[in-house]
Amino acid sequence: MFQQRTQPSRMSGFFTLSEVVFHSVVRSVRSKHNNAFIALGLNLLQTVLFVLAFYVMFAVLGMRGSAIRGDFLLYVMSGVFLFMVHTKTVSAVSGAEGPSSPMMQHAPMNTMVAILSAAIGALYIQVLSLFTILFVYHVAFTPLHIEEPVPAFGMVLLAWITGAGVGLVFLVLKPWAPSFVGILTMIYQRANMIASGKMFLANTLPSFMLAMFDWNPLFHCIDQSRGYVFINYNPHFSSWQYAAWIALVLIVVGLMGEFYTRRQVSLSWSARR
């Protein structure tokens, strides 16, 4: 009643928002396990198992000849890393806390902070796992050579942004049809096991098969990243601009839907569903 209110400047508001997002990211990362090192270790183990599984599958099926000339394990990792970043981001953002969450009753907290913290937390864990695995492989096994490391890492960020866009759309639809969206999210993640194109190259696909995969922005990100990682591969049938435009459209549509849903949602929705 007698408290004097001051209008914060844009700069102070930005720093306040950044601080809230930072603490929310820490909470998001620590929510995976009480021990942050164990949370990172579990993600490292999952990524390593993915890489080993695809390495063994390529070796058993005799598909190593279809890979790019160069480090075969780097070829496998260039697909698995982007797949993990995209899929984990979709899962984290689509599972972020919505407008009816009890956390939203605290004044600095809002849905945008929850979405940002989920996306940044997923990126933090995946990038830390990526650099840890590449460092261990470089030091313990064989020296790595990435032809254009900065654009290759840019494709990792683009896979993350597209995952955040897809997850945001799922998050917006979840209050309206939670069961259906849960099934749809699971189908999308399972379909990307094949549709992401991490097991083959776009240049080697016939035209009728290429049409089955080029709708997927992750397919374009992985194929373009291999063009930056290896000097012997020049992608002709993929475009990072397509993935960027898809990410922009998904984020704009998701933000519009989030604004509308936030105004319509109520605590009774969860009780009725």
Protein backbone atom coordinates (compact mmCIF):
# COMPACT_ATOMS: atom_id res chain seq x y z
CA MET A 1 0.00 0.00 0.00
CA PHE A 2 2.73 2.46 1.03
CA GLN A 3 5.39 0.93 -1.20
CA GLN A 4 6.72 3.26 -3.86
CA ARG A 5 6.72 1.66 -7.30
CA THR A 6 9.41 2.55 -9.79
CA GLN A 7 9.21 1.94 -13.53
CA PRO A 8 12.23 -0.20 -14.47
CA SER A 9 14.23 0.73 -17.53
CA ARG A 10 14.56 -1.63 -20.46
CA MET A 11 18.14 -2.44 -19.51
CA SER A 12 17.29 -3.28 -15.90
CA GLY A 13 14.32 -5.32 -17.10
CA PHE A 14 16.61 -7.26 -19.43
CA PHE A 15 19.05 -8.03 -16.62
CA THR A 16 16.19 -9.06 -14.31
CA LEU A 17 14.81 -11.38 -16.98
CA SER A 18 18.29 -12.82 -17.62
CA GLU A 19 18.75 -13.53 -13.92
CA VAL A 20 15.38 -15.29 -13.67
CA VAL A 21 16.15 -17.32 -16.81
CA PHE A 22 19.56 -18.28 -15.41
CA HIS A 23 18.09 -19.62 -12.17
CA SER A 24 15.36 -21.40 -14.11
CA VAL A 25 17.98 -23.02 -16.36
CA VAL A 26 19.86 -24.26 -13.28
CA ARG A 27 16.61 -25.62 -11.88
CA SER A 28 15.81 -27.28 -15.22
CA VAL A 29 19.24 -28.93 -15.46
CA ARG A 30 19.25 -30.05 -11.82
CA SER A 31 15.73 -31.47 -12.15
CA LYS A 32 17.14 -34.40 -14.16
CA HIS A 33 19.05 -35.58 -11.08
CA ASN A 34 19.98 -34.26 -7.65
CA ASN A 35 23.64 -34.37 -8.68
CA ALA A 36 24.48 -32.23 -11.74
CA PHE A 37 27.48 -34.41 -12.61
CA ILE A 38 25.32 -37.53 -12.65
CA ALA A 39 22.77 -35.74 -14.87
CA LEU A 40 25.56 -34.92 -17.32
CA GLY A 41 26.97 -38.45 -17.04
CA LEU A 42 23.62 -40.02 -17.88
CA ASN A 43 23.33 -37.86 -20.99
CA LEU A 44 26.92 -38.71 -21.98
CA LEU A 45 26.17 -42.40 -21.56
CA GLN A 46 23.05 -42.16 -23.70
CA THR A 47 24.91 -40.33 -26.48
CA VAL A 48 27.81 -42.79 -26.39
CA LEU A 49 25.41 -45.74 -26.57
CA PHE A 50 23.71 -44.16 -29.61
CA VAL A 51 27.05 -43.69 -31.34
CA LEU A 52 28.17 -47.25 -30.56
CA ALA A 53 24.85 -48.73 -31.66
CA PHE A 54 25.01 -47.02 -35.06
CA TYR A 55 28.69 -47.85 -35.43
CA VAL A 56 27.98 -51.55 -34.84
CA MET A 57 24.96 -51.46 -37.14
CA PHE A 58 26.98 -49.92 -39.97
CA ALA A 59 29.76 -52.46 -39.43
CA VAL A 60 27.42 -55.50 -39.28
CA LEU A 61 25.35 -54.46 -42.30
CA GLY A 62 28.43 -53.57 -44.31
CA MET A 63 27.31 -49.96 -44.86
CA ARG A 64 30.63 -48.33 -44.09
CA GLY A 65 31.35 -48.01 -47.79
CA SER A 66 28.37 -45.67 -48.19
CA ALA A 67 29.80 -43.19 -45.68
CA ILE A 68 32.00 -40.21 -46.50
CA ARG A 69 35.69 -40.83 -47.02
CA GLY A 70 37.28 -39.80 -43.75
CA ASP A 71 36.83 -40.60 -40.07
CA PHE A 72 33.89 -43.00 -39.99
CA LEU A 73 33.14 -42.45 -36.30
CA LEU A 74 33.04 -38.70 -36.89
CA TYR A 75 30.52 -39.36 -39.67
CA VAL A 76 28.32 -41.26 -37.20
CA MET A 77 28.71 -38.63 -34.48
CA SER A 78 27.86 -35.77 -36.86
CA GLY A 79 24.42 -37.33 -37.27
CA VAL A 80 23.86 -38.54 -33.72
CA PHE A 81 24.86 -35.25 -32.07
CA LEU A 82 22.41 -33.15 -34.08
CA PHE A 83 19.69 -35.76 -33.64
CA MET A 84 20.17 -35.72 -29.85
CA VAL A 85 20.20 -31.91 -29.67
CA HIS A 86 17.00 -31.65 -31.72
CA THR A 87 15.11 -34.46 -29.99
CA LYS A 88 16.09 -33.45 -26.45
CA THR A 89 15.08 -29.85 -27.14
CA VAL A 90 11.70 -30.92 -28.50
CA SER A 91 11.14 -33.01 -25.39
CA ALA A 92 12.29 -30.27 -23.00
CA VAL A 93 10.31 -27.40 -24.55
CA SER A 94 7.13 -29.43 -25.08
CA GLY A 95 7.34 -30.47 -21.42
CA ALA A 96 7.94 -26.95 -20.08
CA GLU A 97 5.66 -25.56 -17.42
CA GLY A 98 2.50 -23.95 -18.78
CA PRO A 99 0.30 -21.06 -17.62
CA SER A 100 -1.55 -23.18 -15.04
CA SER A 101 1.64 -24.41 -13.35
CA PRO A 102 2.02 -23.48 -9.66
CA MET A 103 5.38 -21.87 -10.51
CA MET A 104 3.53 -19.19 -12.48
CA GLN A 105 2.09 -17.83 -9.23
CA HIS A 106 5.49 -16.34 -8.39
CA ALA A 107 5.80 -12.81 -9.72
CA PRO A 108 9.05 -12.93 -11.76
CA MET A 109 8.11 -16.25 -13.34
CA ASN A 110 6.15 -16.47 -16.58
CA THR A 111 5.70 -18.91 -19.44
CA MET A 112 8.40 -17.31 -21.59
CA VAL A 113 10.95 -17.82 -18.82
CA ALA A 114 9.89 -21.48 -18.55
CA ILE A 115 10.23 -21.99 -22.31
CA LEU A 116 13.61 -20.24 -22.50
CA SER A 117 15.00 -22.13 -19.52
CA ALA A 118 13.89 -25.50 -20.92
CA ALA A 119 15.45 -24.77 -24.33
CA ILE A 120 18.71 -23.33 -22.96
CA GLY A 121 19.02 -26.12 -20.38
CA ALA A 122 18.71 -28.75 -23.11
CA LEU A 123 21.30 -26.92 -25.26
CA TYR A 124 23.71 -26.62 -22.32
CA ILE A 125 23.65 -30.33 -21.52
CA GLN A 126 23.90 -31.44 -25.15
CA VAL A 127 26.72 -29.06 -26.09
CA LEU A 128 28.67 -29.97 -22.96
CA SER A 129 28.24 -33.65 -23.80
CA LEU A 130 29.26 -33.00 -27.43
CA PHE A 131 32.52 -31.25 -26.53
CA THR A 132 33.33 -33.79 -23.80
CA ILE A 133 32.92 -36.75 -26.17
CA LEU A 134 34.88 -35.06 -28.98
CA PHE A 135 37.68 -34.13 -26.57
CA VAL A 136 37.98 -37.66 -25.19
CA TYR A 137 37.92 -39.13 -28.71
CA HIS A 138 40.53 -36.62 -29.91
CA VAL A 139 42.88 -37.23 -26.96
CA ALA A 140 42.44 -40.94 -26.33
CA PHE A 141 41.86 -42.39 -29.81
CA THR A 142 42.73 -40.33 -32.87
CA PRO A 143 43.15 -36.62 -33.66
CA LEU A 144 40.01 -35.06 -35.10
CA HIS A 145 39.92 -32.74 -38.06
CA ILE A 146 36.76 -30.76 -38.80
CA GLU A 147 37.06 -28.82 -42.03
CA GLU A 148 34.89 -25.84 -41.01
CA PRO A 149 34.18 -26.07 -37.26
CA VAL A 150 32.30 -22.77 -36.87
CA PRO A 151 29.63 -23.43 -39.58
CA ALA A 152 29.41 -27.05 -38.37
CA PHE A 153 28.60 -25.83 -34.86
CA GLY A 154 26.15 -23.40 -36.45
CA MET A 155 24.23 -26.41 -37.78
CA VAL A 156 24.09 -27.75 -34.21
CA LEU A 157 22.53 -24.46 -33.11
CA LEU A 158 20.13 -24.55 -36.06
CA ALA A 159 19.04 -28.07 -35.08
CA TRP A 160 18.47 -26.73 -31.56
CA ILE A 161 16.40 -23.78 -32.80
CA THR A 162 14.23 -26.00 -35.01
CA GLY A 163 13.73 -28.35 -32.06
CA ALA A 164 12.68 -25.40 -29.90
CA GLY A 165 10.17 -24.34 -32.59
CA VAL A 166 8.66 -27.81 -32.87
CA GLY A 167 8.54 -28.19 -29.08
CA LEU A 168 6.88 -24.78 -28.73
CA VAL A 169 4.08 -25.78 -31.11
CA PHE A 170 3.55 -29.01 -29.16
CA LEU A 171 3.54 -27.05 -25.89
CA VAL A 172 0.87 -24.68 -27.19
CA LEU A 173 -1.35 -27.54 -28.36
CA LYS A 174 -0.94 -29.57 -25.16
CA PRO A 175 -3.57 -27.75 -23.00
CA TRP A 176 -6.19 -28.23 -25.73
CA ALA A 177 -5.55 -31.94 -26.37
CA PRO A 178 -2.95 -33.32 -23.92
CA SER A 179 -3.30 -37.02 -24.76
CA PHE A 180 -3.20 -36.48 -28.51
CA VAL A 181 -0.22 -34.12 -28.30
CA GLY A 182 1.67 -36.61 -26.11
CA ILE A 183 1.18 -39.31 -28.74
CA LEU A 184 2.07 -36.88 -31.54
CA THR A 185 5.28 -35.86 -29.77
CA MET A 186 6.31 -39.48 -29.32
CA ILE A 187 5.56 -40.27 -32.99
CA TYR A 188 7.63 -37.26 -34.13
CA GLN A 189 10.60 -38.29 -31.98
CA ARG A 190 10.45 -41.92 -33.14
CA ALA A 191 10.01 -40.93 -36.80
CA ASN A 192 13.17 -38.83 -36.60
CA MET A 193 15.16 -41.98 -35.91
CA ILE A 194 14.85 -42.58 -39.67
CA ALA A 195 13.60 -39.27 -41.12
CA SER A 196 16.53 -37.27 -39.70
CA GLY A 197 18.84 -38.84 -42.28
CA LYS A 198 21.66 -39.49 -39.83
CA MET A 199 22.24 -42.95 -41.33
CA PHE A 200 22.67 -41.91 -44.97
CA LEU A 201 23.64 -39.02 -47.26
CA ALA A 202 21.19 -36.92 -49.24
CA ASN A 203 23.47 -37.03 -52.31
CA THR A 204 23.20 -40.82 -52.45
CA LEU A 205 19.39 -41.01 -52.27
CA PRO A 206 17.25 -41.47 -55.39
CA SER A 207 14.73 -38.73 -56.08
CA PHE A 208 11.69 -40.74 -54.93
CA MET A 209 13.33 -41.37 -51.53
CA LEU A 210 14.62 -37.82 -51.22
CA ALA A 211 11.04 -36.56 -51.35
CA MET A 212 10.31 -38.64 -48.24
CA PHE A 213 12.90 -36.82 -46.14
CA ASP A 214 13.38 -33.27 -47.41
CA TRP A 215 10.34 -31.99 -45.46
CA ASN A 216 12.32 -32.47 -42.25
CA PRO A 217 14.47 -29.48 -41.20
CA LEU A 218 16.68 -31.80 -39.13
CA PHE A 219 17.49 -33.75 -42.31
CA HIS A 220 18.79 -30.53 -43.89
CA CYS A 221 20.78 -29.60 -40.76
CA ILE A 222 22.54 -32.98 -40.59
CA ASP A 223 23.32 -33.09 -44.29
CA GLN A 224 24.67 -29.53 -44.27
CA SER A 225 26.76 -30.20 -41.16
CA ARG A 226 28.48 -33.11 -42.91
CA GLY A 227 29.35 -30.76 -45.74
CA TYR A 228 31.14 -28.53 -43.21
CA VAL A 229 32.75 -31.41 -41.28
CA PHE A 230 34.19 -33.28 -44.27
CA ILE A 231 36.12 -31.80 -47.18
CA ASN A 232 35.04 -34.69 -49.44
CA TYR A 233 31.30 -34.02 -49.22
CA ASN A 234 29.38 -31.22 -50.90
CA PRO A 235 25.62 -31.37 -50.16
CA HIS A 236 23.51 -30.64 -53.24
CA PHE A 237 19.99 -31.59 -52.08
CA SER A 238 19.75 -29.83 -48.73
CA SER A 239 19.66 -26.23 -47.60
CA TRP A 240 20.24 -24.68 -44.19
CA GLN A 241 18.09 -21.72 -45.28
CA TYR A 242 15.07 -24.04 -45.47
CA ALA A 243 15.63 -25.19 -41.89
CA ALA A 244 16.07 -21.59 -40.73
CA TRP A 245 12.80 -20.46 -42.37
CA ILE A 246 10.93 -23.45 -40.93
CA ALA A 247 12.30 -22.63 -37.46
CA LEU A 248 11.25 -18.98 -37.82
CA VAL A 249 7.72 -19.92 -38.91
CA LEU A 250 7.32 -22.46 -36.11
CA ILE A 251 8.54 -20.02 -33.46
CA VAL A 252 6.23 -17.21 -34.69
CA VAL A 253 3.22 -19.55 -34.84
CA GLY A 254 4.14 -21.01 -31.45
CA LEU A 255 4.44 -17.58 -29.80
CA MET A 256 1.10 -16.48 -31.26
CA GLY A 257 -0.52 -19.69 -30.01
CA GLU A 258 1.13 -19.34 -26.60
CA PHE A 259 -0.23 -15.81 -26.21
CA TYR A 260 -3.75 -16.98 -27.08
CA THR A 261 -3.56 -20.11 -24.92
CA ARG A 262 -2.24 -18.15 -21.94
CA ARG A 263 -5.31 -15.92 -22.06
CA GLN A 264 -7.72 -18.88 -22.30
CA VAL A 265 -6.19 -21.46 -19.98
CA SER A 266 -7.47 -22.02 -16.46
CA LEU A 267 -6.61 -24.26 -13.52
CA SER A 268 -9.78 -26.29 -14.07
CA TRP A 269 -8.48 -27.63 -17.41
CA SER A 270 -6.21 -30.15 -15.76
CA ALA A 271 -9.05 -31.28 -13.48
CA ARG A 272 -11.38 -31.83 -16.43
CA ARG A 273 -8.72 -33.77 -18.37
